[in-house]
Structures are given as structure tokens and as C-alpha cells.
Amino acid sequence: MRDLYIYYKVSDRHADALELRLRMMQAELGALTGVYGDIKRRPDSRDGLQTWMEIYLATGDGFDAALAAAERDASLSELIEGDRRVEVFMDLSPCA
């Protein structure tokens, strides 16, 4: 299983609209895949921009495609400044 951490910038003026779209998207994605995301943001705003992060834990096969479709359908790119950056992490296997 993989955990996804997706971060990006959003302008202060688009933050409320993005939060609404993102929460709706995550609810639909969770109902479809069983993976419910979390939303975080840095506490400060710099030059009118906030840094946000979406977290999706224990994603399986097919989740990336479902997430990409959900993002497209929610038109998140209209409210985000620049690119969404995806970081992937996996659990370390416990020693036997």
C-alpha cells in the first residue's frame, strides 16, 4: 500500500471555493474507492498564497486513476496556483 501526499499553492481569494470543491471531491472519491482523504494547510499565508496538502493513506491499485478523474471532474486546477506535487511513501517492512 502507498500513501500519497499532494501539495500545492492556492490564493487566499480562492481558498473557500477550493475547500468546498475538495471536500465534495474527497467524499465522492472515498465512496468510490474506500479511501477518504484529509486536507491540511500551513498556518501562514505568504504573498497571498497558502500551501495546502491532501493526504490519502493506504491507496491500492487503481486509486491514482480514480484520483486523477476526480480532480479533473472537480476542476481543482481552476483554483490552484501552479502544479500539484505528489509524494509517495510506503511503510517499512517490519523485521522478522
PDB file of N, CA and C in Angstrom:
ATOM      1  N   MET A   1       0.831  -1.180   0.000  1.00  0.00           N
ATOM      2  CA  MET A   1       0.000   0.000   0.000  1.00  0.00           C
ATOM      3  C   MET A   1       0.882   1.252   0.000  1.00  0.00           C
ATOM      4  N   ARG A   2       0.361   2.283  -0.624  1.00  0.00           N
ATOM      5  CA  ARG A   2       1.105   3.539  -0.734  1.00  0.00           C
ATOM      6  C   ARG A   2       0.288   4.672  -0.127  1.00  0.00           C
ATOM      7  N   ASP A   3       1.001   5.597   0.477  1.00  0.00           N
ATOM      8  CA  ASP A   3       0.380   6.818   0.981  1.00  0.00           C
ATOM      9  C   ASP A   3       0.752   7.954   0.044  1.00  0.00           C
ATOM     10  N   LEU A   4      -0.218   8.785  -0.312  1.00  0.00           N
ATOM     11  CA  LEU A   4       0.022   9.917  -1.207  1.00  0.00           C
ATOM     12  C   LEU A   4      -0.095  11.221  -0.434  1.00  0.00           C
ATOM     13  N   TYR A   5       0.874  12.089  -0.657  1.00  0.00           N
ATOM     14  CA  TYR A   5       0.885  13.434  -0.081  1.00  0.00           C
ATOM     15  C   TYR A   5       0.976  14.397  -1.256  1.00  0.00           C
ATOM     16  N   ILE A   6      -0.061  15.189  -1.448  1.00  0.00           N
ATOM     17  CA  ILE A   6      -0.150  16.068  -2.610  1.00  0.00           C
ATOM     18  C   ILE A   6      -0.207  17.504  -2.105  1.00  0.00           C
ATOM     19  N   TYR A   7       0.748  18.312  -2.541  1.00  0.00           N
ATOM     20  CA  TYR A   7       0.767  19.694  -2.054  1.00  0.00           C
ATOM     21  C   TYR A   7       0.811  20.676  -3.208  1.00  0.00           C
ATOM     22  N   TYR A   8       0.307  21.886  -2.919  1.00  0.00           N
ATOM     23  CA  TYR A   8       0.172  22.917  -3.947  1.00  0.00           C
ATOM     24  C   TYR A   8      -0.147  24.244  -3.281  1.00  0.00           C
ATOM     25  N   LYS A   9      -0.179  25.289  -4.076  1.00  0.00           N
ATOM     26  CA  LYS A   9      -0.488  26.635  -3.605  1.00  0.00           C
ATOM     27  C   LYS A   9      -1.894  27.025  -4.047  1.00  0.00           C
ATOM     28  N   VAL A  10      -2.541  27.818  -3.193  1.00  0.00           N
ATOM     29  CA  VAL A  10      -3.855  28.373  -3.527  1.00  0.00           C
ATOM     30  C   VAL A  10      -3.880  29.814  -3.032  1.00  0.00           C
ATOM     31  N   SER A  11      -4.448  30.690  -3.828  1.00  0.00           N
ATOM     32  CA  SER A  11      -4.523  32.092  -3.409  1.00  0.00           C
ATOM     33  C   SER A  11      -5.548  32.233  -2.291  1.00  0.00           C
ATOM     34  N   ASP A  12      -5.321  33.225  -1.440  1.00  0.00           N
ATOM     35  CA  ASP A  12      -6.255  33.487  -0.344  1.00  0.00           C
ATOM     36  C   ASP A  12      -7.677  33.669  -0.873  1.00  0.00           C
ATOM     37  N   ARG A  13      -7.821  34.304  -2.016  1.00  0.00           N
ATOM     38  CA  ARG A  13      -9.167  34.596  -2.530  1.00  0.00           C
ATOM     39  C   ARG A  13      -9.891  33.356  -3.054  1.00  0.00           C
ATOM     40  N   HIS A  14      -9.164  32.281  -3.362  1.00  0.00           N
ATOM     41  CA  HIS A  14      -9.792  31.051  -3.857  1.00  0.00           C
ATOM     42  C   HIS A  14      -9.900  29.964  -2.792  1.00  0.00           C
ATOM     43  N   ALA A  15      -9.413  30.224  -1.598  1.00  0.00           N
ATOM     44  CA  ALA A  15      -9.336  29.180  -0.572  1.00  0.00           C
ATOM     45  C   ALA A  15     -10.707  28.595  -0.214  1.00  0.00           C
ATOM     46  N   ASP A  16     -11.690  29.432   0.011  1.00  0.00           N
ATOM     47  CA  ASP A  16     -13.010  28.925   0.397  1.00  0.00           C
ATOM     48  C   ASP A  16     -13.641  28.080  -0.703  1.00  0.00           C
ATOM     49  N   ALA A  17     -13.539  28.535  -1.932  1.00  0.00           N
ATOM     50  CA  ALA A  17     -14.110  27.786  -3.061  1.00  0.00           C
ATOM     51  C   ALA A  17     -13.387  26.450  -3.246  1.00  0.00           C
ATOM     52  N   LEU A  18     -12.059  26.470  -3.092  1.00  0.00           N
ATOM     53  CA  LEU A  18     -11.301  25.236  -3.239  1.00  0.00           C
ATOM     54  C   LEU A  18     -11.665  24.250  -2.139  1.00  0.00           C
ATOM     55  N   GLU A  19     -11.782  24.733  -0.920  1.00  0.00           N
ATOM     56  CA  GLU A  19     -12.127  23.824   0.176  1.00  0.00           C
ATOM     57  C   GLU A  19     -13.459  23.129  -0.096  1.00  0.00           C
ATOM     58  N   LEU A  20     -14.443  23.854  -0.551  1.00  0.00           N
ATOM     59  CA  LEU A  20     -15.748  23.265  -0.855  1.00  0.00           C
ATOM     60  C   LEU A  20     -15.632  22.191  -1.936  1.00  0.00           C
ATOM     61  N   ARG A  21     -14.977  22.521  -3.026  1.00  0.00           N
ATOM     62  CA  ARG A  21     -14.807  21.545  -4.123  1.00  0.00           C
ATOM     63  C   ARG A  21     -14.020  20.332  -3.657  1.00  0.00           C
ATOM     64  N   LEU A  22     -12.965  20.584  -2.898  1.00  0.00           N
ATOM     65  CA  LEU A  22     -12.090  19.499  -2.468  1.00  0.00           C
ATOM     66  C   LEU A  22     -12.806  18.548  -1.508  1.00  0.00           C
ATOM     67  N   ARG A  23     -13.563  19.081  -0.588  1.00  0.00           N
ATOM     68  CA  ARG A  23     -14.305  18.221   0.348  1.00  0.00           C
ATOM     69  C   ARG A  23     -15.359  17.385  -0.382  1.00  0.00           C
ATOM     70  N   MET A  24     -16.028  17.976  -1.337  1.00  0.00           N
ATOM     71  CA  MET A  24     -17.006  17.222  -2.126  1.00  0.00           C
ATOM     72  C   MET A  24     -16.306  16.132  -2.942  1.00  0.00           C
ATOM     73  N   MET A  25     -15.192  16.479  -3.555  1.00  0.00           N
ATOM     74  CA  MET A  25     -14.444  15.518  -4.343  1.00  0.00           C
ATOM     75  C   MET A  25     -13.972  14.362  -3.479  1.00  0.00           C
ATOM     76  N   GLN A  26     -13.436  14.669  -2.297  1.00  0.00           N
ATOM     77  CA  GLN A  26     -12.936  13.614  -1.425  1.00  0.00           C
ATOM     78  C   GLN A  26     -14.055  12.705  -0.926  1.00  0.00           C
ATOM     79  N   ALA A  27     -15.224  13.254  -0.665  1.00  0.00           N
ATOM     80  CA  ALA A  27     -16.355  12.432  -0.231  1.00  0.00           C
ATOM     81  C   ALA A  27     -16.756  11.456  -1.337  1.00  0.00           C
ATOM     82  N   GLU A  28     -16.841  11.945  -2.569  1.00  0.00           N
ATOM     83  CA  GLU A  28     -17.192  11.081  -3.695  1.00  0.00           C
ATOM     84  C   GLU A  28     -16.110  10.044  -3.959  1.00  0.00           C
ATOM     85  N   LEU A  29     -14.854  10.473  -3.885  1.00  0.00           N
ATOM     86  CA  LEU A  29     -13.739   9.552  -4.102  1.00  0.00           C
ATOM     87  C   LEU A  29     -13.714   8.478  -3.023  1.00  0.00           C
ATOM     88  N   GLY A  30     -13.969   8.871  -1.786  1.00  0.00           N
ATOM     89  CA  GLY A  30     -13.999   7.905  -0.694  1.00  0.00           C
ATOM     90  C   GLY A  30     -15.107   6.881  -0.863  1.00  0.00           C
ATOM     91  N   ALA A  31     -16.270   7.346  -1.282  1.00  0.00           N
ATOM     92  CA  ALA A  31     -17.388   6.426  -1.513  1.00  0.00           C
ATOM     93  C   ALA A  31     -17.062   5.441  -2.635  1.00  0.00           C
ATOM     94  N   LEU A  32     -16.315   5.893  -3.624  1.00  0.00           N
ATOM     95  CA  LEU A  32     -15.953   5.054  -4.766  1.00  0.00           C
ATOM     96  C   LEU A  32     -14.828   4.076  -4.442  1.00  0.00           C
ATOM     97  N   THR A  33     -13.808   4.543  -3.708  1.00  0.00           N
ATOM     98  CA  THR A  33     -12.588   3.743  -3.512  1.00  0.00           C
ATOM     99  C   THR A  33     -12.398   3.210  -2.105  1.00  0.00           C
ATOM    100  N   GLY A  34     -13.119   3.778  -1.130  1.00  0.00           N
ATOM    101  CA  GLY A  34     -12.888   3.409   0.265  1.00  0.00           C
ATOM    102  C   GLY A  34     -11.742   4.165   0.911  1.00  0.00           C
ATOM    103  N   VAL A  35     -11.109   5.047   0.152  1.00  0.00           N
ATOM    104  CA  VAL A  35     -10.000   5.859   0.674  1.00  0.00           C
ATOM    105  C   VAL A  35     -10.507   7.281   0.841  1.00  0.00           C
ATOM    106  N   TYR A  36     -10.584   7.714   2.087  1.00  0.00           N
ATOM    107  CA  TYR A  36     -11.051   9.063   2.398  1.00  0.00           C
ATOM    108  C   TYR A  36      -9.852   9.937   2.710  1.00  0.00           C
ATOM    109  N   GLY A  37      -9.720  11.022   1.976  1.00  0.00           N
ATOM    110  CA  GLY A  37      -8.570  11.897   2.123  1.00  0.00           C
ATOM    111  C   GLY A  37      -8.711  12.878   3.270  1.00  0.00           C
ATOM    112  N   ASP A  38      -7.594  13.486   3.595  1.00  0.00           N
ATOM    113  CA  ASP A  38      -7.530  14.528   4.609  1.00  0.00           C
ATOM    114  C   ASP A  38      -6.971  15.780   3.945  1.00  0.00           C
ATOM    115  N   ILE A  39      -7.305  16.940   4.487  1.00  0.00           N
ATOM    116  CA  ILE A  39      -6.813  18.215   3.964  1.00  0.00           C
ATOM    117  C   ILE A  39      -6.077  18.938   5.077  1.00  0.00           C
ATOM    118  N   LYS A  40      -4.902  19.436   4.752  1.00  0.00           N
ATOM    119  CA  LYS A  40      -4.123  20.239   5.692  1.00  0.00           C
ATOM    120  C   LYS A  40      -3.637  21.484   4.959  1.00  0.00           C
ATOM    121  N   ARG A  41      -3.262  22.502   5.763  1.00  0.00           N
ATOM    122  CA  ARG A  41      -2.638  23.685   5.173  1.00  0.00           C
ATOM    123  C   ARG A  41      -1.661  24.252   6.165  1.00  0.00           C
ATOM    124  N   ARG A  42      -0.683  24.949   5.635  1.00  0.00           N
ATOM    125  CA  ARG A  42       0.243  25.641   6.519  1.00  0.00           C
ATOM    126  C   ARG A  42      -0.506  26.766   7.214  1.00  0.00           C
ATOM    127  N   PRO A  43      -0.097  27.114   8.432  1.00  0.00           N
ATOM    128  CA  PRO A  43      -0.837  28.127   9.188  1.00  0.00           C
ATOM    129  C   PRO A  43      -0.689  29.548   8.655  1.00  0.00           C
ATOM    130  N   ASP A  44       0.333  29.790   7.876  1.00  0.00           N
ATOM    131  CA  ASP A  44       0.556  31.151   7.391  1.00  0.00           C
ATOM    132  C   ASP A  44       0.266  31.256   5.894  1.00  0.00           C
ATOM    133  N   SER A  45       0.121  32.476   5.465  1.00  0.00           N
ATOM    134  CA  SER A  45      -0.058  32.784   4.047  1.00  0.00           C
ATOM    135  C   SER A  45       1.106  33.688   3.662  1.00  0.00           C
ATOM    136  N   ARG A  46       1.718  33.424   2.516  1.00  0.00           N
ATOM    137  CA  ARG A  46       2.847  34.221   2.079  1.00  0.00           C
ATOM    138  C   ARG A  46       2.562  34.776   0.694  1.00  0.00           C
ATOM    139  N   ASP A  47       2.638  36.083   0.574  1.00  0.00           N
ATOM    140  CA  ASP A  47       2.380  36.761  -0.698  1.00  0.00           C
ATOM    141  C   ASP A  47       0.996  36.422  -1.255  1.00  0.00           C
ATOM    142  N   GLY A  48       0.028  36.273  -0.348  1.00  0.00           N
ATOM    143  CA  GLY A  48      -1.335  35.979  -0.776  1.00  0.00           C
ATOM    144  C   GLY A  48      -1.577  34.533  -1.165  1.00  0.00           C
ATOM    145  N   LEU A  49      -0.602  33.657  -0.877  1.00  0.00           N
ATOM    146  CA  LEU A  49      -0.733  32.241  -1.231  1.00  0.00           C
ATOM    147  C   LEU A  49      -0.638  31.359   0.005  1.00  0.00           C
ATOM    148  N   GLN A  50      -1.480  30.351   0.035  1.00  0.00           N
ATOM    149  CA  GLN A  50      -1.456  29.343   1.083  1.00  0.00           C
ATOM    150  C   GLN A  50      -0.903  28.046   0.500  1.00  0.00           C
ATOM    151  N   THR A  51      -0.252  27.240   1.334  1.00  0.00           N
ATOM    152  CA  THR A  51       0.195  25.917   0.920  1.00  0.00           C
ATOM    153  C   THR A  51      -0.746  24.888   1.525  1.00  0.00           C
ATOM    154  N   TRP A  52      -1.333  24.076   0.660  1.00  0.00           N
ATOM    155  CA  TRP A  52      -2.277  23.045   1.079  1.00  0.00           C
ATOM    156  C   TRP A  52      -1.706  21.665   0.790  1.00  0.00           C
ATOM    157  N   MET A  53      -2.215  20.677   1.530  1.00  0.00           N
ATOM    158  CA  MET A  53      -1.813  19.296   1.306  1.00  0.00           C
ATOM    159  C   MET A  53      -3.025  18.387   1.424  1.00  0.00           C
ATOM    160  N   GLU A  54      -3.126  17.474   0.479  1.00  0.00           N
ATOM    161  CA  GLU A  54      -4.107  16.391   0.540  1.00  0.00           C
ATOM    162  C   GLU A  54      -3.335  15.134   0.917  1.00  0.00           C
ATOM    163  N   ILE A  55      -3.919  14.330   1.796  1.00  0.00           N
ATOM    164  CA  ILE A  55      -3.279  13.092   2.225  1.00  0.00           C
ATOM    165  C   ILE A  55      -4.246  11.937   1.983  1.00  0.00           C
ATOM    166  N   TYR A  56      -3.745  10.910   1.305  1.00  0.00           N
ATOM    167  CA  TYR A  56      -4.526   9.701   1.047  1.00  0.00           C
ATOM    168  C   TYR A  56      -3.689   8.519   1.520  1.00  0.00           C
ATOM    169  N   LEU A  57      -4.162   7.824   2.552  1.00  0.00           N
ATOM    170  CA  LEU A  57      -3.394   6.734   3.157  1.00  0.00           C
ATOM    171  C   LEU A  57      -3.860   5.384   2.642  1.00  0.00           C
ATOM    172  N   ALA A  58      -2.906   4.480   2.520  1.00  0.00           N
ATOM    173  CA  ALA A  58      -3.167   3.082   2.152  1.00  0.00           C
ATOM    174  C   ALA A  58      -3.950   2.972   0.841  1.00  0.00           C
ATOM    175  N   THR A  59      -3.439   3.610  -0.197  1.00  0.00           N
ATOM    176  CA  THR A  59      -4.091   3.547  -1.503  1.00  0.00           C
ATOM    177  C   THR A  59      -3.666   2.277  -2.220  1.00  0.00           C
ATOM    178  N   GLY A  60      -4.570   1.707  -2.962  1.00  0.00           N
ATOM    179  CA  GLY A  60      -4.290   0.473  -3.687  1.00  0.00           C
ATOM    180  C   GLY A  60      -4.275   0.684  -5.184  1.00  0.00           C
ATOM    181  N   ASP A  61      -4.262  -0.416  -5.894  1.00  0.00           N
ATOM    182  CA  ASP A  61      -4.269  -0.381  -7.354  1.00  0.00           C
ATOM    183  C   ASP A  61      -5.508   0.356  -7.853  1.00  0.00           C
ATOM    184  N   GLY A  62      -5.317   1.182  -8.847  1.00  0.00           N
ATOM    185  CA  GLY A  62      -6.421   1.897  -9.460  1.00  0.00           C
ATOM    186  C   GLY A  62      -6.753   3.220  -8.790  1.00  0.00           C
ATOM    187  N   PHE A  63      -6.177   3.481  -7.609  1.00  0.00           N
ATOM    188  CA  PHE A  63      -6.521   4.721  -6.922  1.00  0.00           C
ATOM    189  C   PHE A  63      -6.020   5.939  -7.683  1.00  0.00           C
ATOM    190  N   ASP A  64      -4.820   5.871  -8.236  1.00  0.00           N
ATOM    191  CA  ASP A  64      -4.262   7.026  -8.953  1.00  0.00           C
ATOM    192  C   ASP A  64      -5.180   7.472 -10.094  1.00  0.00           C
ATOM    193  N   ALA A  65      -5.709   6.522 -10.835  1.00  0.00           N
ATOM    194  CA  ALA A  65      -6.608   6.853 -11.946  1.00  0.00           C
ATOM    195  C   ALA A  65      -7.912   7.447 -11.425  1.00  0.00           C
ATOM    196  N   ALA A  66      -8.448   6.888 -10.342  1.00  0.00           N
ATOM    197  CA  ALA A  66      -9.687   7.415  -9.758  1.00  0.00           C
ATOM    198  C   ALA A  66      -9.465   8.828  -9.221  1.00  0.00           C
ATOM    199  N   LEU A  67      -8.311   9.069  -8.602  1.00  0.00           N
ATOM    200  CA  LEU A  67      -7.994  10.399  -8.089  1.00  0.00           C
ATOM    201  C   LEU A  67      -7.854  11.398  -9.226  1.00  0.00           C
ATOM    202  N   ALA A  68      -7.154  11.030 -10.276  1.00  0.00           N
ATOM    203  CA  ALA A  68      -6.972  11.930 -11.423  1.00  0.00           C
ATOM    204  C   ALA A  68      -8.327  12.297 -12.041  1.00  0.00           C
ATOM    205  N   ALA A  69      -9.207  11.328 -12.179  1.00  0.00           N
ATOM    206  CA  ALA A  69     -10.538  11.602 -12.735  1.00  0.00           C
ATOM    207  C   ALA A  69     -11.338  12.507 -11.804  1.00  0.00           C
ATOM    208  N   ALA A  70     -11.256  12.269 -10.506  1.00  0.00           N
ATOM    209  CA  ALA A  70     -11.987  13.081  -9.536  1.00  0.00           C
ATOM    210  C   ALA A  70     -11.481  14.522  -9.542  1.00  0.00           C
ATOM    211  N   GLU A  71     -10.165  14.693  -9.623  1.00  0.00           N
ATOM    212  CA  GLU A  71      -9.578  16.042  -9.686  1.00  0.00           C
ATOM    213  C   GLU A  71     -10.050  16.780 -10.932  1.00  0.00           C
ATOM    214  N   ARG A  72     -10.055  16.084 -12.034  1.00  0.00           N
ATOM    215  CA  ARG A  72     -10.495  16.672 -13.304  1.00  0.00           C
ATOM    216  C   ARG A  72     -11.973  17.061 -13.235  1.00  0.00           C
ATOM    217  N   ASP A  73     -12.796  16.151 -12.722  1.00  0.00           N
ATOM    218  CA  ASP A  73     -14.226  16.407 -12.628  1.00  0.00           C
ATOM    219  C   ASP A  73     -14.542  17.576 -11.693  1.00  0.00           C
ATOM    220  N   ALA A  74     -13.735  17.744 -10.646  1.00  0.00           N
ATOM    221  CA  ALA A  74     -13.952  18.826  -9.680  1.00  0.00           C
ATOM    222  C   ALA A  74     -13.337  20.147 -10.144  1.00  0.00           C
ATOM    223  N   SER A  75     -12.615  20.112 -11.257  1.00  0.00           N
ATOM    224  CA  SER A  75     -11.964  21.311 -11.811  1.00  0.00           C
ATOM    225  C   SER A  75     -11.091  22.026 -10.778  1.00  0.00           C
ATOM    226  N   LEU A  76     -10.331  21.245 -10.017  1.00  0.00           N
ATOM    227  CA  LEU A  76      -9.465  21.834  -9.000  1.00  0.00           C
ATOM    228  C   LEU A  76      -8.410  22.756  -9.598  1.00  0.00           C
ATOM    229  N   SER A  77      -7.940  22.441 -10.790  1.00  0.00           N
ATOM    230  CA  SER A  77      -6.874  23.234 -11.402  1.00  0.00           C
ATOM    231  C   SER A  77      -7.270  24.690 -11.618  1.00  0.00           C
ATOM    232  N   GLU A  78      -8.573  24.955 -11.706  1.00  0.00           N
ATOM    233  CA  GLU A  78      -9.041  26.335 -11.874  1.00  0.00           C
ATOM    234  C   GLU A  78      -8.730  27.208 -10.659  1.00  0.00           C
ATOM    235  N   LEU A  79      -8.563  26.587  -9.499  1.00  0.00           N
ATOM    236  CA  LEU A  79      -8.397  27.331  -8.257  1.00  0.00           C
ATOM    237  C   LEU A  79      -7.000  27.210  -7.643  1.00  0.00           C
ATOM    238  N   ILE A  80      -6.129  26.449  -8.299  1.00  0.00           N
ATOM    239  CA  ILE A  80      -4.794  26.204  -7.765  1.00  0.00           C
ATOM    240  C   ILE A  80      -3.764  27.005  -8.555  1.00  0.00           C
ATOM    241  N   GLU A  81      -2.786  27.514  -7.844  1.00  0.00           N
ATOM    242  CA  GLU A  81      -1.677  28.243  -8.471  1.00  0.00           C
ATOM    243  C   GLU A  81      -0.537  27.265  -8.731  1.00  0.00           C
ATOM    244  N   GLY A  82      -0.177  27.074  -9.977  1.00  0.00           N
ATOM    245  CA  GLY A  82       0.936  26.178 -10.301  1.00  0.00           C
ATOM    246  C   GLY A  82       0.512  24.719 -10.315  1.00  0.00           C
ATOM    247  N   ASP A  83       1.495  23.870 -10.102  1.00  0.00           N
ATOM    248  CA  ASP A  83       1.294  22.424 -10.199  1.00  0.00           C
ATOM    249  C   ASP A  83       0.957  21.799  -8.861  1.00  0.00           C
ATOM    250  N   ARG A  84       0.291  20.654  -8.937  1.00  0.00           N
ATOM    251  CA  ARG A  84       0.114  19.784  -7.771  1.00  0.00           C
ATOM    252  C   ARG A  84       1.312  18.852  -7.756  1.00  0.00           C
ATOM    253  N   ARG A  85       1.968  18.763  -6.623  1.00  0.00           N
ATOM    254  CA  ARG A  85       3.133  17.891  -6.493  1.00  0.00           C
ATOM    255  C   ARG A  85       2.750  16.683  -5.643  1.00  0.00           C
ATOM    256  N   VAL A  86       3.065  15.507  -6.167  1.00  0.00           N
ATOM    257  CA  VAL A  86       2.690  14.264  -5.496  1.00  0.00           C
ATOM    258  C   VAL A  86       3.937  13.594  -4.935  1.00  0.00           C
ATOM    259  N   GLU A  87       3.888  13.271  -3.656  1.00  0.00           N
ATOM    260  CA  GLU A  87       4.932  12.490  -2.993  1.00  0.00           C
ATOM    261  C   GLU A  87       4.309  11.167  -2.579  1.00  0.00           C
ATOM    262  N   VAL A  88       5.036  10.078  -2.791  1.00  0.00           N
ATOM    263  CA  VAL A  88       4.550   8.741  -2.472  1.00  0.00           C
ATOM    264  C   VAL A  88       5.446   8.138  -1.398  1.00  0.00           C
ATOM    265  N   PHE A  89       4.829   7.610  -0.347  1.00  0.00           N
ATOM    266  CA  PHE A  89       5.566   6.946   0.720  1.00  0.00           C
ATOM    267  C   PHE A  89       4.951   5.581   0.968  1.00  0.00           C
ATOM    268  N   MET A  90       5.808   4.664   1.411  1.00  0.00           N
ATOM    269  CA  MET A  90       5.370   3.303   1.739  1.00  0.00           C
ATOM    270  C   MET A  90       5.857   2.977   3.144  1.00  0.00           C
ATOM    271  N   ASP A  91       5.157   2.091   3.829  1.00  0.00           N
ATOM    272  CA  ASP A  91       5.590   1.620   5.146  1.00  0.00           C
ATOM    273  C   ASP A  91       6.848   0.773   4.992  1.00  0.00           C
ATOM    274  N   LEU A  92       7.700   0.852   5.982  1.00  0.00           N
ATOM    275  CA  LEU A  92       8.838  -0.054   6.039  1.00  0.00           C
ATOM    276  C   LEU A  92       8.337  -1.413   6.498  1.00  0.00           C
ATOM    277  N   SER A  93       8.886  -2.456   5.916  1.00  0.00           N
ATOM    278  CA  SER A  93       8.505  -3.801   6.339  1.00  0.00           C
ATOM    279  C   SER A  93       9.108  -4.083   7.715  1.00  0.00           C
ATOM    280  N   PRO A  94       8.320  -4.634   8.615  1.00  0.00           N
ATOM    281  CA  PRO A  94       8.879  -4.944   9.938  1.00  0.00           C
ATOM    282  C   PRO A  94       9.901  -6.079   9.825  1.00  0.00           C
ATOM    283  N   CYS A  95      10.886  -6.053  10.681  1.00  0.00           N
ATOM    284  CA  CYS A  95      11.902  -7.114  10.688  1.00  0.00           C
ATOM    285  C   CYS A  95      11.279  -8.401  11.202  1.00  0.00           C
ATOM    286  N   ALA A  96      11.695  -9.489  10.605  1.00  0.00           N
ATOM    287  CA  ALA A  96      11.143 -10.804  11.007  1.00  0.00           C
ATOM    288  C   ALA A  96      11.880 -11.348  12.193  1.00  0.00           C
TER     289      ALA A  96
END
